[in-house]
Amino acid sequence: MATINAMTFDQASYNPGDTITLTVSYTADTPSVNPVTETATANVTDAAGTVTATSTAPFVVNEPVSAGDVVSVTDTGNHTWAEQSDSGSVAVFTTTA
């Protein structure tokens, strides 16, 4: 289950026309990446073009998950909130006071 850890505003109060910035820190239910293990192969070739040694090693690529959790914001003043960024654990929104 996703959880919201904190909601913080950039100021304590706003005047009409000010930009309000809200940062939402959260723990997503759906991971933002899917780790995929791949294998690299290294070869040593001599002057005659003969492979004299081969070795392999695994590595992990964190592929983004396209259908992760979505953060949205509403308020009692019916402002329209625009998402500025979302890292998968911190989302930033703005609106006008």
PDB file of N, CA and C in Angstrom:
ATOM      1  N   MET A   1       0.844  -1.177   0.000  1.00  0.00           N
ATOM      2  CA  MET A   1       0.000   0.000   0.000  1.00  0.00           C
ATOM      3  C   MET A   1       0.892   1.244   0.000  1.00  0.00           C
ATOM      4  N   ALA A   2       0.595   2.170  -0.845  1.00  0.00           N
ATOM      5  CA  ALA A   2       1.347   3.431  -0.920  1.00  0.00           C
ATOM      6  C   ALA A   2       1.064   4.272   0.322  1.00  0.00           C
ATOM      7  N   THR A   3       2.059   5.060   0.723  1.00  0.00           N
ATOM      8  CA  THR A   3       1.876   5.952   1.861  1.00  0.00           C
ATOM      9  C   THR A   3       2.433   7.328   1.526  1.00  0.00           C
ATOM     10  N   ILE A   4       1.796   8.362   2.065  1.00  0.00           N
ATOM     11  CA  ILE A   4       2.315   9.724   1.958  1.00  0.00           C
ATOM     12  C   ILE A   4       3.057  10.006   3.251  1.00  0.00           C
ATOM     13  N   ASN A   5       4.344  10.309   3.125  1.00  0.00           N
ATOM     14  CA  ASN A   5       5.197  10.523   4.294  1.00  0.00           C
ATOM     15  C   ASN A   5       5.157  11.962   4.788  1.00  0.00           C
ATOM     16  N   ALA A   6       5.071  12.920   3.856  1.00  0.00           N
ATOM     17  CA  ALA A   6       5.056  14.337   4.254  1.00  0.00           C
ATOM     18  C   ALA A   6       4.546  15.188   3.105  1.00  0.00           C
ATOM     19  N   MET A   7       3.915  16.307   3.473  1.00  0.00           N
ATOM     20  CA  MET A   7       3.519  17.346   2.520  1.00  0.00           C
ATOM     21  C   MET A   7       4.083  18.656   3.055  1.00  0.00           C
ATOM     22  N   THR A   8       4.904  19.334   2.256  1.00  0.00           N
ATOM     23  CA  THR A   8       5.505  20.589   2.714  1.00  0.00           C
ATOM     24  C   THR A   8       5.293  21.681   1.670  1.00  0.00           C
ATOM     25  N   PHE A   9       4.991  22.877   2.176  1.00  0.00           N
ATOM     26  CA  PHE A   9       4.829  24.052   1.323  1.00  0.00           C
ATOM     27  C   PHE A   9       6.089  24.897   1.394  1.00  0.00           C
ATOM     28  N   ASP A  10       6.336  25.697   0.368  1.00  0.00           N
ATOM     29  CA  ASP A  10       7.542  26.529   0.330  1.00  0.00           C
ATOM     30  C   ASP A  10       7.417  27.785   1.189  1.00  0.00           C
ATOM     31  N   GLN A  11       6.208  28.133   1.629  1.00  0.00           N
ATOM     32  CA  GLN A  11       5.978  29.296   2.481  1.00  0.00           C
ATOM     33  C   GLN A  11       4.877  28.955   3.476  1.00  0.00           C
ATOM     34  N   ALA A  12       4.774  29.765   4.521  1.00  0.00           N
ATOM     35  CA  ALA A  12       3.719  29.571   5.519  1.00  0.00           C
ATOM     36  C   ALA A  12       2.392  30.156   5.069  1.00  0.00           C
ATOM     37  N   SER A  13       2.424  31.260   4.276  1.00  0.00           N
ATOM     38  CA  SER A  13       1.198  31.880   3.780  1.00  0.00           C
ATOM     39  C   SER A  13       1.469  32.515   2.423  1.00  0.00           C
ATOM     40  N   TYR A  14       0.391  32.807   1.708  1.00  0.00           N
ATOM     41  CA  TYR A  14       0.495  33.313   0.336  1.00  0.00           C
ATOM     42  C   TYR A  14      -0.469  34.468   0.123  1.00  0.00           C
ATOM     43  N   ASN A  15      -0.116  35.369  -0.776  1.00  0.00           N
ATOM     44  CA  ASN A  15      -0.991  36.448  -1.209  1.00  0.00           C
ATOM     45  C   ASN A  15      -1.587  36.064  -2.558  1.00  0.00           C
ATOM     46  N   PRO A  16      -2.742  36.651  -2.913  1.00  0.00           N
ATOM     47  CA  PRO A  16      -3.328  36.346  -4.214  1.00  0.00           C
ATOM     48  C   PRO A  16      -2.307  36.588  -5.335  1.00  0.00           C
ATOM     49  N   GLY A  17      -2.220  35.630  -6.245  1.00  0.00           N
ATOM     50  CA  GLY A  17      -1.284  35.721  -7.363  1.00  0.00           C
ATOM     51  C   GLY A  17       0.058  35.053  -7.113  1.00  0.00           C
ATOM     52  N   ASP A  18       0.380  34.756  -5.842  1.00  0.00           N
ATOM     53  CA  ASP A  18       1.637  34.064  -5.524  1.00  0.00           C
ATOM     54  C   ASP A  18       1.601  32.634  -6.057  1.00  0.00           C
ATOM     55  N   THR A  19       2.780  32.120  -6.380  1.00  0.00           N
ATOM     56  CA  THR A  19       2.910  30.714  -6.743  1.00  0.00           C
ATOM     57  C   THR A  19       3.076  29.892  -5.476  1.00  0.00           C
ATOM     58  N   ILE A  20       2.234  28.879  -5.332  1.00  0.00           N
ATOM     59  CA  ILE A  20       2.310  27.953  -4.201  1.00  0.00           C
ATOM     60  C   ILE A  20       3.039  26.709  -4.691  1.00  0.00           C
ATOM     61  N   THR A  21       4.076  26.292  -3.967  1.00  0.00           N
ATOM     62  CA  THR A  21       4.798  25.069  -4.302  1.00  0.00           C
ATOM     63  C   THR A  21       4.602  24.063  -3.175  1.00  0.00           C
ATOM     64  N   LEU A  22       4.112  22.898  -3.542  1.00  0.00           N
ATOM     65  CA  LEU A  22       3.861  21.811  -2.596  1.00  0.00           C
ATOM     66  C   LEU A  22       4.744  20.628  -2.965  1.00  0.00           C
ATOM     67  N   THR A  23       5.490  20.112  -1.991  1.00  0.00           N
ATOM     68  CA  THR A  23       6.311  18.923  -2.189  1.00  0.00           C
ATOM     69  C   THR A  23       5.692  17.776  -1.409  1.00  0.00           C
ATOM     70  N   VAL A  24       5.432  16.679  -2.101  1.00  0.00           N
ATOM     71  CA  VAL A  24       4.831  15.494  -1.495  1.00  0.00           C
ATOM     72  C   VAL A  24       5.871  14.380  -1.493  1.00  0.00           C
ATOM     73  N   SER A  25       6.223  13.916  -0.305  1.00  0.00           N
ATOM     74  CA  SER A  25       7.143  12.793  -0.153  1.00  0.00           C
ATOM     75  C   SER A  25       6.298  11.543   0.077  1.00  0.00           C
ATOM     76  N   TYR A  26       6.547  10.482  -0.696  1.00  0.00           N
ATOM     77  CA  TYR A  26       5.695   9.299  -0.580  1.00  0.00           C
ATOM     78  C   TYR A  26       6.484   8.012  -0.837  1.00  0.00           C
ATOM     79  N   THR A  27       5.902   6.919  -0.392  1.00  0.00           N
ATOM     80  CA  THR A  27       6.415   5.592  -0.689  1.00  0.00           C
ATOM     81  C   THR A  27       5.418   4.939  -1.633  1.00  0.00           C
ATOM     82  N   ALA A  28       5.867   4.647  -2.829  1.00  0.00           N
ATOM     83  CA  ALA A  28       4.974   4.106  -3.859  1.00  0.00           C
ATOM     84  C   ALA A  28       4.637   2.651  -3.591  1.00  0.00           C
ATOM     85  N   ASP A  29       3.456   2.258  -4.000  1.00  0.00           N
ATOM     86  CA  ASP A  29       3.030   0.860  -3.930  1.00  0.00           C
ATOM     87  C   ASP A  29       3.664   0.087  -5.080  1.00  0.00           C
ATOM     88  N   THR A  30       3.719   0.732  -6.231  1.00  0.00           N
ATOM     89  CA  THR A  30       4.298   0.128  -7.422  1.00  0.00           C
ATOM     90  C   THR A  30       5.726   0.620  -7.549  1.00  0.00           C
ATOM     91  N   PRO A  31       6.709  -0.284  -7.657  1.00  0.00           N
ATOM     92  CA  PRO A  31       8.094   0.191  -7.803  1.00  0.00           C
ATOM     93  C   PRO A  31       8.254   1.009  -9.072  1.00  0.00           C
ATOM     94  N   SER A  32       9.130   2.015  -9.007  1.00  0.00           N
ATOM     95  CA  SER A  32       9.352   2.877 -10.168  1.00  0.00           C
ATOM     96  C   SER A  32      10.347   2.279 -11.149  1.00  0.00           C
ATOM     97  N   VAL A  33      11.021   1.191 -10.737  1.00  0.00           N
ATOM     98  CA  VAL A  33      11.954   0.503 -11.632  1.00  0.00           C
ATOM     99  C   VAL A  33      11.779  -1.002 -11.496  1.00  0.00           C
ATOM    100  N   ASN A  34      12.143  -1.706 -12.559  1.00  0.00           N
ATOM    101  CA  ASN A  34      12.148  -3.155 -12.573  1.00  0.00           C
ATOM    102  C   ASN A  34      13.582  -3.598 -12.848  1.00  0.00           C
ATOM    103  N   PRO A  35      14.269  -4.220 -11.856  1.00  0.00           N
ATOM    104  CA  PRO A  35      15.652  -4.615 -12.089  1.00  0.00           C
ATOM    105  C   PRO A  35      15.727  -5.810 -13.049  1.00  0.00           C
ATOM    106  N   VAL A  36      16.524  -5.672 -14.105  1.00  0.00           N
ATOM    107  CA  VAL A  36      16.715  -6.728 -15.101  1.00  0.00           C
ATOM    108  C   VAL A  36      18.194  -7.094 -15.121  1.00  0.00           C
ATOM    109  N   THR A  37      18.483  -8.382 -14.919  1.00  0.00           N
ATOM    110  CA  THR A  37      19.865  -8.847 -14.935  1.00  0.00           C
ATOM    111  C   THR A  37      20.281  -9.185 -16.358  1.00  0.00           C
ATOM    112  N   GLU A  38      21.387  -8.610 -16.786  1.00  0.00           N
ATOM    113  CA  GLU A  38      21.949  -8.878 -18.103  1.00  0.00           C
ATOM    114  C   GLU A  38      23.369  -9.407 -17.918  1.00  0.00           C
ATOM    115  N   THR A  39      23.958  -9.929 -18.989  1.00  0.00           N
ATOM    116  CA  THR A  39      25.295 -10.515 -18.905  1.00  0.00           C
ATOM    117  C   THR A  39      26.215  -9.866 -19.925  1.00  0.00           C
ATOM    118  N   ALA A  40      27.400  -9.461 -19.462  1.00  0.00           N
ATOM    119  CA  ALA A  40      28.442  -8.922 -20.342  1.00  0.00           C
ATOM    120  C   ALA A  40      29.475 -10.021 -20.587  1.00  0.00           C
ATOM    121  N   THR A  41      30.018 -10.058 -21.799  1.00  0.00           N
ATOM    122  CA  THR A  41      31.054 -11.033 -22.149  1.00  0.00           C
ATOM    123  C   THR A  41      32.292 -10.286 -22.608  1.00  0.00           C
ATOM    124  N   ALA A  42      33.446 -10.661 -22.047  1.00  0.00           N
ATOM    125  CA  ALA A  42      34.724 -10.081 -22.452  1.00  0.00           C
ATOM    126  C   ALA A  42      35.564 -11.174 -23.118  1.00  0.00           C
ATOM    127  N   ASN A  43      36.221 -10.821 -24.216  1.00  0.00           N
ATOM    128  CA  ASN A  43      37.083 -11.754 -24.934  1.00  0.00           C
ATOM    129  C   ASN A  43      38.476 -11.175 -25.074  1.00  0.00           C
ATOM    130  N   VAL A  44      39.483 -12.035 -24.980  1.00  0.00           N
ATOM    131  CA  VAL A  44      40.864 -11.669 -25.287  1.00  0.00           C
ATOM    132  C   VAL A  44      41.230 -12.388 -26.571  1.00  0.00           C
ATOM    133  N   THR A  45      41.691 -11.622 -27.554  1.00  0.00           N
ATOM    134  CA  THR A  45      42.042 -12.184 -28.851  1.00  0.00           C
ATOM    135  C   THR A  45      43.530 -11.969 -29.097  1.00  0.00           C
ATOM    136  N   ASP A  46      44.230 -13.028 -29.581  1.00  0.00           N
ATOM    137  CA  ASP A  46      45.657 -12.877 -29.856  1.00  0.00           C
ATOM    138  C   ASP A  46      45.879 -12.237 -31.216  1.00  0.00           C
ATOM    139  N   ALA A  47      47.127 -12.045 -31.585  1.00  0.00           N
ATOM    140  CA  ALA A  47      47.476 -11.376 -32.845  1.00  0.00           C
ATOM    141  C   ALA A  47      46.940 -12.112 -34.071  1.00  0.00           C
ATOM    142  N   ALA A  48      46.729 -13.411 -33.967  1.00  0.00           N
ATOM    143  CA  ALA A  48      46.219 -14.201 -35.093  1.00  0.00           C
ATOM    144  C   ALA A  48      44.701 -14.143 -35.184  1.00  0.00           C
ATOM    145  N   GLY A  49      44.050 -13.460 -34.224  1.00  0.00           N
ATOM    146  CA  GLY A  49      42.600 -13.351 -34.240  1.00  0.00           C
ATOM    147  C   GLY A  49      41.890 -14.478 -33.520  1.00  0.00           C
ATOM    148  N   THR A  50      42.633 -15.272 -32.778  1.00  0.00           N
ATOM    149  CA  THR A  50      42.054 -16.384 -32.038  1.00  0.00           C
ATOM    150  C   THR A  50      41.677 -15.913 -30.634  1.00  0.00           C
ATOM    151  N   VAL A  51      40.465 -16.249 -30.236  1.00  0.00           N
ATOM    152  CA  VAL A  51      40.030 -15.909 -28.881  1.00  0.00           C
ATOM    153  C   VAL A  51      40.756 -16.838 -27.919  1.00  0.00           C
ATOM    154  N   THR A  52      41.517 -16.259 -26.988  1.00  0.00           N
ATOM    155  CA  THR A  52      42.303 -17.054 -26.047  1.00  0.00           C
ATOM    156  C   THR A  52      41.723 -17.078 -24.639  1.00  0.00           C
ATOM    157  N   ALA A  53      40.814 -16.172 -24.352  1.00  0.00           N
ATOM    158  CA  ALA A  53      40.174 -16.158 -23.042  1.00  0.00           C
ATOM    159  C   ALA A  53      38.816 -15.482 -23.154  1.00  0.00           C
ATOM    160  N   THR A  54      37.857 -16.003 -22.420  1.00  0.00           N
ATOM    161  CA  THR A  54      36.506 -15.455 -22.388  1.00  0.00           C
ATOM    162  C   THR A  54      36.008 -15.492 -20.947  1.00  0.00           C
ATOM    163  N   SER A  55      35.301 -14.451 -20.566  1.00  0.00           N
ATOM    164  CA  SER A  55      34.690 -14.425 -19.245  1.00  0.00           C
ATOM    165  C   SER A  55      33.372 -13.661 -19.339  1.00  0.00           C
ATOM    166  N   THR A  56      32.433 -14.001 -18.468  1.00  0.00           N
ATOM    167  CA  THR A  56      31.148 -13.305 -18.421  1.00  0.00           C
ATOM    168  C   THR A  56      30.903 -12.815 -16.999  1.00  0.00           C
ATOM    169  N   ALA A  57      30.120 -11.763 -16.895  1.00  0.00           N
ATOM    170  CA  ALA A  57      29.743 -11.219 -15.591  1.00  0.00           C
ATOM    171  C   ALA A  57      28.356 -10.598 -15.694  1.00  0.00           C
ATOM    172  N   PRO A  58      27.518 -10.789 -14.662  1.00  0.00           N
ATOM    173  CA  PRO A  58      26.182 -10.187 -14.675  1.00  0.00           C
ATOM    174  C   PRO A  58      26.215  -8.736 -14.223  1.00  0.00           C
ATOM    175  N   PHE A  59      25.246  -7.958 -14.708  1.00  0.00           N
ATOM    176  CA  PHE A  59      25.015  -6.599 -14.226  1.00  0.00           C
ATOM    177  C   PHE A  59      23.527  -6.335 -14.270  1.00  0.00           C
ATOM    178  N   VAL A  60      23.068  -5.346 -13.502  1.00  0.00           N
ATOM    179  CA  VAL A  60      21.636  -5.066 -13.374  1.00  0.00           C
ATOM    180  C   VAL A  60      21.317  -3.715 -14.008  1.00  0.00           C
ATOM    181  N   VAL A  61      20.267  -3.693 -14.828  1.00  0.00           N
ATOM    182  CA  VAL A  61      19.746  -2.460 -15.409  1.00  0.00           C
ATOM    183  C   VAL A  61      18.371  -2.223 -14.788  1.00  0.00           C
ATOM    184  N   ASN A  62      18.188  -1.061 -14.161  1.00  0.00           N
ATOM    185  CA  ASN A  62      16.901  -0.716 -13.565  1.00  0.00           C
ATOM    186  C   ASN A  62      16.032  -0.050 -14.620  1.00  0.00           C
ATOM    187  N   GLU A  63      15.168  -0.852 -15.265  1.00  0.00           N
ATOM    188  CA  GLU A  63      14.289  -0.327 -16.308  1.00  0.00           C
ATOM    189  C   GLU A  63      13.079   0.341 -15.674  1.00  0.00           C
ATOM    190  N   PRO A  64      12.696   1.512 -16.180  1.00  0.00           N
ATOM    191  CA  PRO A  64      11.541   2.204 -15.592  1.00  0.00           C
ATOM    192  C   PRO A  64      10.249   1.422 -15.808  1.00  0.00           C
ATOM    193  N   VAL A  65       9.392   1.478 -14.814  1.00  0.00           N
ATOM    194  CA  VAL A  65       8.068   0.868 -14.911  1.00  0.00           C
ATOM    195  C   VAL A  65       7.124   1.937 -15.438  1.00  0.00           C
ATOM    196  N   SER A  66       6.451   1.642 -16.538  1.00  0.00           N
ATOM    197  CA  SER A  66       5.635   2.666 -17.185  1.00  0.00           C
ATOM    198  C   SER A  66       4.328   2.952 -16.456  1.00  0.00           C
ATOM    199  N   ALA A  67       3.789   1.997 -15.734  1.00  0.00           N
ATOM    200  CA  ALA A  67       2.493   2.197 -15.089  1.00  0.00           C
ATOM    201  C   ALA A  67       2.643   2.195 -13.574  1.00  0.00           C
ATOM    202  N   GLY A  68       3.378   3.176 -13.052  1.00  0.00           N
ATOM    203  CA  GLY A  68       3.575   3.284 -11.608  1.00  0.00           C
ATOM    204  C   GLY A  68       2.446   4.061 -10.955  1.00  0.00           C
ATOM    205  N   ASP A  69       2.612   4.314  -9.675  1.00  0.00           N
ATOM    206  CA  ASP A  69       1.618   5.097  -8.942  1.00  0.00           C
ATOM    207  C   ASP A  69       1.595   6.539  -9.444  1.00  0.00           C
ATOM    208  N   VAL A  70       0.449   7.175  -9.328  1.00  0.00           N
ATOM    209  CA  VAL A  70       0.274   8.558  -9.780  1.00  0.00           C
ATOM    210  C   VAL A  70      -0.124   9.410  -8.580  1.00  0.00           C
ATOM    211  N   VAL A  71       0.588  10.510  -8.383  1.00  0.00           N
ATOM    212  CA  VAL A  71       0.273  11.450  -7.297  1.00  0.00           C
ATOM    213  C   VAL A  71      -0.529  12.596  -7.893  1.00  0.00           C
ATOM    214  N   SER A  72      -1.566  13.018  -7.210  1.00  0.00           N
ATOM    215  CA  SER A  72      -2.339  14.185  -7.635  1.00  0.00           C
ATOM    216  C   SER A  72      -2.697  15.006  -6.404  1.00  0.00           C
ATOM    217  N   VAL A  73      -3.059  16.269  -6.626  1.00  0.00           N
ATOM    218  CA  VAL A  73      -3.375  17.187  -5.525  1.00  0.00           C
ATOM    219  C   VAL A  73      -4.685  17.898  -5.827  1.00  0.00           C
ATOM    220  N   THR A  74      -5.531  17.998  -4.821  1.00  0.00           N
ATOM    221  CA  THR A  74      -6.741  18.829  -4.886  1.00  0.00           C
ATOM    222  C   THR A  74      -6.780  19.653  -3.607  1.00  0.00           C
ATOM    223  N   ASP A  75      -7.596  20.692  -3.588  1.00  0.00           N
ATOM    224  CA  ASP A  75      -7.763  21.478  -2.367  1.00  0.00           C
ATOM    225  C   ASP A  75      -9.171  22.028  -2.294  1.00  0.00           C
ATOM    226  N   THR A  76      -9.528  22.558  -1.141  1.00  0.00           N
ATOM    227  CA  THR A  76     -10.879  23.070  -0.920  1.00  0.00           C
ATOM    228  C   THR A  76     -11.148  24.380  -1.643  1.00  0.00           C
ATOM    229  N   GLY A  77     -10.099  25.037  -2.156  1.00  0.00           N
ATOM    230  CA  GLY A  77     -10.263  26.281  -2.905  1.00  0.00           C
ATOM    231  C   GLY A  77     -10.387  26.062  -4.407  1.00  0.00           C
ATOM    232  N   ASN A  78     -10.428  24.798  -4.825  1.00  0.00           N
ATOM    233  CA  ASN A  78     -10.580  24.429  -6.242  1.00  0.00           C
ATOM    234  C   ASN A  78      -9.463  24.967  -7.122  1.00  0.00           C
ATOM    235  N   HIS A  79      -8.235  25.042  -6.594  1.00  0.00           N
ATOM    236  CA  HIS A  79      -7.081  25.437  -7.410  1.00  0.00           C
ATOM    237  C   HIS A  79      -6.713  24.296  -8.361  1.00  0.00           C
ATOM    238  N   THR A  80      -6.096  24.645  -9.456  1.00  0.00           N
ATOM    239  CA  THR A  80      -5.588  23.651 -10.393  1.00  0.00           C
ATOM    240  C   THR A  80      -4.110  23.458 -10.116  1.00  0.00           C
ATOM    241  N   TRP A  81      -3.726  22.259  -9.709  1.00  0.00           N
ATOM    242  CA  TRP A  81      -2.339  21.940  -9.364  1.00  0.00           C
ATOM    243  C   TRP A  81      -1.656  21.314 -10.560  1.00  0.00           C
ATOM    244  N   ALA A  82      -0.452  21.796 -10.875  1.00  0.00           N
ATOM    245  CA  ALA A  82       0.335  21.273 -11.995  1.00  0.00           C
ATOM    246  C   ALA A  82       1.550  20.526 -11.453  1.00  0.00           C
ATOM    247  N   GLU A  83       1.735  19.311 -11.904  1.00  0.00           N
ATOM    248  CA  GLU A  83       2.912  18.542 -11.487  1.00  0.00           C
ATOM    249  C   GLU A  83       4.149  19.098 -12.179  1.00  0.00           C
ATOM    250  N   GLN A  84       5.170  19.408 -11.386  1.00  0.00           N
ATOM    251  CA  GLN A  84       6.431  19.916 -11.922  1.00  0.00           C
ATOM    252  C   GLN A  84       7.456  18.796 -12.082  1.00  0.00           C
ATOM    253  N   SER A  85       7.421  17.833 -11.156  1.00  0.00           N
ATOM    254  CA  SER A  85       8.334  16.696 -11.230  1.00  0.00           C
ATOM    255  C   SER A  85       7.818  15.583 -10.330  1.00  0.00           C
ATOM    256  N   ASP A  86       8.287  14.357 -10.605  1.00  0.00           N
ATOM    257  CA  ASP A  86       7.971  13.210  -9.763  1.00  0.00           C
ATOM    258  C   ASP A  86       9.080  12.185  -9.934  1.00  0.00           C
ATOM    259  N   SER A  87       9.853  11.968  -8.885  1.00  0.00           N
ATOM    260  CA  SER A  87      10.983  11.050  -8.941  1.00  0.00           C
ATOM    261  C   SER A  87      10.592   9.610  -8.636  1.00  0.00           C
ATOM    262  N   GLY A  88       9.353   9.382  -8.254  1.00  0.00           N
ATOM    263  CA  GLY A  88       8.931   8.062  -7.810  1.00  0.00           C
ATOM    264  C   GLY A  88       8.851   7.976  -6.302  1.00  0.00           C
ATOM    265  N   SER A  89       9.352   9.016  -5.608  1.00  0.00           N
ATOM    266  CA  SER A  89       9.228   9.095  -4.150  1.00  0.00           C
ATOM    267  C   SER A  89       8.998  10.527  -3.664  1.00  0.00           C
ATOM    268  N   VAL A  90       9.260  11.504  -4.543  1.00  0.00           N
ATOM    269  CA  VAL A  90       9.014  12.911  -4.217  1.00  0.00           C
ATOM    270  C   VAL A  90       8.375  13.574  -5.439  1.00  0.00           C
ATOM    271  N   ALA A  91       7.198  14.161  -5.239  1.00  0.00           N
ATOM    272  CA  ALA A  91       6.496  14.856  -6.309  1.00  0.00           C
ATOM    273  C   ALA A  91       6.349  16.323  -5.929  1.00  0.00           C
ATOM    274  N   VAL A  92       6.522  17.209  -6.908  1.00  0.00           N
ATOM    275  CA  VAL A  92       6.420  18.651  -6.671  1.00  0.00           C
ATOM    276  C   VAL A  92       5.301  19.201  -7.546  1.00  0.00           C
ATOM    277  N   PHE A  93       4.409  19.983  -6.917  1.00  0.00           N
ATOM    278  CA  PHE A  93       3.264  20.583  -7.599  1.00  0.00           C
ATOM    279  C   PHE A  93       3.248  22.077  -7.356  1.00  0.00           C
ATOM    280  N   THR A  94       2.680  22.822  -8.309  1.00  0.00           N
ATOM    281  CA  THR A  94       2.493  24.265  -8.128  1.00  0.00           C
ATOM    282  C   THR A  94       1.074  24.648  -8.526  1.00  0.00           C
ATOM    283  N   THR A  95       0.628  25.776  -7.940  1.00  0.00           N
ATOM    284  CA  THR A  95      -0.622  26.408  -8.323  1.00  0.00           C
ATOM    285  C   THR A  95      -0.483  27.889  -7.986  1.00  0.00           C
ATOM    286  N   THR A  96      -1.488  28.666  -8.347  1.00  0.00           N
ATOM    287  CA  THR A  96      -1.477  30.090  -8.047  1.00  0.00           C
ATOM    288  C   THR A  96      -2.498  30.392  -6.982  1.00  0.00           C
ATOM    289  N   ALA A  97      -2.083  31.167  -5.973  1.00  0.00           N
ATOM    290  CA  ALA A  97      -2.987  31.522  -4.869  1.00  0.00           C
ATOM    291  C   ALA A  97      -4.068  32.459  -5.347  1.00  0.00           C
TER     292      ALA A  97
END
